[in-house]
Amino acid sequence: MILNGNDALPKLELTYPCAWRYKLVGEGDTLIFTAVCDVISEKEHTLIPSNVSKNGRYLSMNLDLLVMNEDERTFIYEALKAHPHIKMVL
């Protein structure tokens, strides 16, 4: 494990390409699917429902795909986080 500059949080060490999972939270599977298509378009992926909130308003889904490098992994995260149909990305 490598520590970052402030020695408080460990830096994640990954060997690319690697399988990666994003957990996406939104207000419905159709909206989440649309957001994923907008961000990664034709890239091969799997999108699987995960959980539904207690009141049923929000749904989480697991997005699994192969990322080629750190820049791609970060770009996808930031683009999904900024998409209006996505409430949260973990």
C-alpha atoms as a PDB file:
ATOM      1  CA  MET A   1       0.000   0.000   0.000  1.00  0.00           C
ATOM      2  CA  ILE A   2       1.262   3.460  -0.903  1.00  0.00           C
ATOM      3  CA  LEU A   3       0.294   6.431   1.222  1.00  0.00           C
ATOM      4  CA  ASN A   4      -0.571   9.691  -0.461  1.00  0.00           C
ATOM      5  CA  GLY A   5       1.028  13.056   0.344  1.00  0.00           C
ATOM      6  CA  ASN A   6      -0.744  13.630   3.642  1.00  0.00           C
ATOM      7  CA  ASP A   7      -0.181  10.030   4.853  1.00  0.00           C
ATOM      8  CA  ALA A   8      -3.816   9.903   6.005  1.00  0.00           C
ATOM      9  CA  LEU A   9      -5.435   7.889   3.227  1.00  0.00           C
ATOM     10  CA  PRO A  10      -3.890   4.935   1.414  1.00  0.00           C
ATOM     11  CA  LYS A  11      -3.546   5.237  -2.383  1.00  0.00           C
ATOM     12  CA  LEU A  12      -5.248   2.438  -4.256  1.00  0.00           C
ATOM     13  CA  GLU A  13      -2.807   0.309  -6.266  1.00  0.00           C
ATOM     14  CA  LEU A  14      -4.382  -1.277  -9.343  1.00  0.00           C
ATOM     15  CA  THR A  15      -3.010  -3.215 -12.276  1.00  0.00           C
ATOM     16  CA  TYR A  16      -4.698  -2.146 -15.508  1.00  0.00           C
ATOM     17  CA  PRO A  17      -6.704  -3.173 -17.359  1.00  0.00           C
ATOM     18  CA  CYS A  18      -8.923  -4.339 -14.520  1.00  0.00           C
ATOM     19  CA  ALA A  19     -12.547  -5.126 -13.769  1.00  0.00           C
ATOM     20  CA  TRP A  20     -14.231  -2.282 -11.903  1.00  0.00           C
ATOM     21  CA  ARG A  21     -17.619  -1.818 -10.247  1.00  0.00           C
ATOM     22  CA  TYR A  22     -19.456   1.449  -9.779  1.00  0.00           C
ATOM     23  CA  LYS A  23     -22.579   1.496  -7.622  1.00  0.00           C
ATOM     24  CA  LEU A  24     -25.049   3.975  -9.087  1.00  0.00           C
ATOM     25  CA  VAL A  25     -28.042   5.466  -7.289  1.00  0.00           C
ATOM     26  CA  GLY A  26     -30.895   7.082  -9.196  1.00  0.00           C
ATOM     27  CA  GLU A  27     -34.658   7.407  -9.407  1.00  0.00           C
ATOM     28  CA  GLY A  28     -35.278   4.414 -11.649  1.00  0.00           C
ATOM     29  CA  ASP A  29     -33.631   1.767 -13.778  1.00  0.00           C
ATOM     30  CA  THR A  30     -34.540   3.467 -17.080  1.00  0.00           C
ATOM     31  CA  LEU A  31     -32.937   6.748 -16.010  1.00  0.00           C
ATOM     32  CA  ILE A  32     -29.816   4.994 -14.726  1.00  0.00           C
ATOM     33  CA  PHE A  33     -29.591   2.960 -17.952  1.00  0.00           C
ATOM     34  CA  THR A  34     -29.864   6.164 -19.999  1.00  0.00           C
ATOM     35  CA  ALA A  35     -27.089   7.802 -17.962  1.00  0.00           C
ATOM     36  CA  VAL A  36     -24.800   4.802 -18.427  1.00  0.00           C
ATOM     37  CA  CYS A  37     -25.418   4.811 -22.191  1.00  0.00           C
ATOM     38  CA  ASP A  38     -24.723   8.560 -22.328  1.00  0.00           C
ATOM     39  CA  VAL A  39     -21.396   8.161 -20.511  1.00  0.00           C
ATOM     40  CA  ILE A  40     -19.922   4.906 -21.792  1.00  0.00           C
ATOM     41  CA  SER A  41     -21.959   4.461 -25.020  1.00  0.00           C
ATOM     42  CA  GLU A  42     -20.734   1.285 -26.736  1.00  0.00           C
ATOM     43  CA  LYS A  43     -18.272   0.060 -24.079  1.00  0.00           C
ATOM     44  CA  GLU A  44     -19.111  -3.476 -22.972  1.00  0.00           C
ATOM     45  CA  HIS A  45     -20.631  -3.500 -19.477  1.00  0.00           C
ATOM     46  CA  THR A  46     -23.097  -5.189 -17.165  1.00  0.00           C
ATOM     47  CA  LEU A  47     -25.753  -3.224 -15.276  1.00  0.00           C
ATOM     48  CA  ILE A  48     -27.529  -5.150 -12.517  1.00  0.00           C
ATOM     49  CA  PRO A  49     -30.179  -3.901 -10.042  1.00  0.00           C
ATOM     50  CA  SER A  50     -28.903  -3.934  -6.466  1.00  0.00           C
ATOM     51  CA  ASN A  51     -31.203  -2.330  -3.870  1.00  0.00           C
ATOM     52  CA  VAL A  52     -34.320  -0.175  -3.572  1.00  0.00           C
ATOM     53  CA  SER A  53     -34.664   2.533  -0.935  1.00  0.00           C
ATOM     54  CA  LYS A  54     -37.079   2.082   1.932  1.00  0.00           C
ATOM     55  CA  ASN A  55     -39.680   4.392   0.396  1.00  0.00           C
ATOM     56  CA  GLY A  56     -39.065   2.993  -3.108  1.00  0.00           C
ATOM     57  CA  ARG A  57     -37.986   6.308  -4.627  1.00  0.00           C
ATOM     58  CA  TYR A  58     -34.341   5.404  -5.269  1.00  0.00           C
ATOM     59  CA  LEU A  59     -32.742   2.377  -6.872  1.00  0.00           C
ATOM     60  CA  SER A  60     -29.116   1.324  -6.819  1.00  0.00           C
ATOM     61  CA  MET A  61     -27.502  -0.616  -9.627  1.00  0.00           C
ATOM     62  CA  ASN A  62     -24.061  -2.174 -10.061  1.00  0.00           C
ATOM     63  CA  LEU A  63     -22.189  -1.187 -13.205  1.00  0.00           C
ATOM     64  CA  ASP A  64     -19.399  -3.665 -13.999  1.00  0.00           C
ATOM     65  CA  LEU A  65     -16.882  -3.038 -16.789  1.00  0.00           C
ATOM     66  CA  LEU A  66     -13.248  -3.287 -17.759  1.00  0.00           C
ATOM     67  CA  VAL A  67     -11.286  -0.055 -17.292  1.00  0.00           C
ATOM     68  CA  MET A  68      -8.054   0.358 -19.195  1.00  0.00           C
ATOM     69  CA  ASN A  69      -6.287   2.892 -16.975  1.00  0.00           C
ATOM     70  CA  GLU A  70      -6.661   5.341 -14.072  1.00  0.00           C
ATOM     71  CA  ASP A  71      -7.706   8.201 -16.354  1.00  0.00           C
ATOM     72  CA  GLU A  72     -10.567   6.180 -17.840  1.00  0.00           C
ATOM     73  CA  ARG A  73     -11.702   4.980 -14.408  1.00  0.00           C
ATOM     74  CA  THR A  74     -11.727   8.540 -13.058  1.00  0.00           C
ATOM     75  CA  PHE A  75     -13.372   9.971 -16.179  1.00  0.00           C
ATOM     76  CA  ILE A  76     -16.258   7.486 -15.984  1.00  0.00           C
ATOM     77  CA  TYR A  77     -16.723   8.173 -12.268  1.00  0.00           C
ATOM     78  CA  GLU A  78     -16.776  11.958 -12.756  1.00  0.00           C
ATOM     79  CA  ALA A  79     -19.062  11.790 -15.813  1.00  0.00           C
ATOM     80  CA  LEU A  80     -21.567   9.547 -14.029  1.00  0.00           C
ATOM     81  CA  LYS A  81     -21.436  11.734 -10.916  1.00  0.00           C
ATOM     82  CA  ALA A  82     -22.199  14.828 -13.016  1.00  0.00           C
ATOM     83  CA  HIS A  83     -25.061  13.209 -14.971  1.00  0.00           C
ATOM     84  CA  PRO A  84     -28.504  14.592 -14.003  1.00  0.00           C
ATOM     85  CA  HIS A  85     -30.065  11.087 -13.790  1.00  0.00           C
ATOM     86  CA  ILE A  86     -27.499   9.876 -11.244  1.00  0.00           C
ATOM     87  CA  LYS A  87     -27.882  10.936  -7.617  1.00  0.00           C
ATOM     88  CA  MET A  88     -24.770   9.186  -6.269  1.00  0.00           C
ATOM     89  CA  VAL A  89     -21.809   7.105  -7.475  1.00  0.00           C
ATOM     90  CA  LEU A  90     -19.871   4.835  -5.125  1.00  0.00           C
END
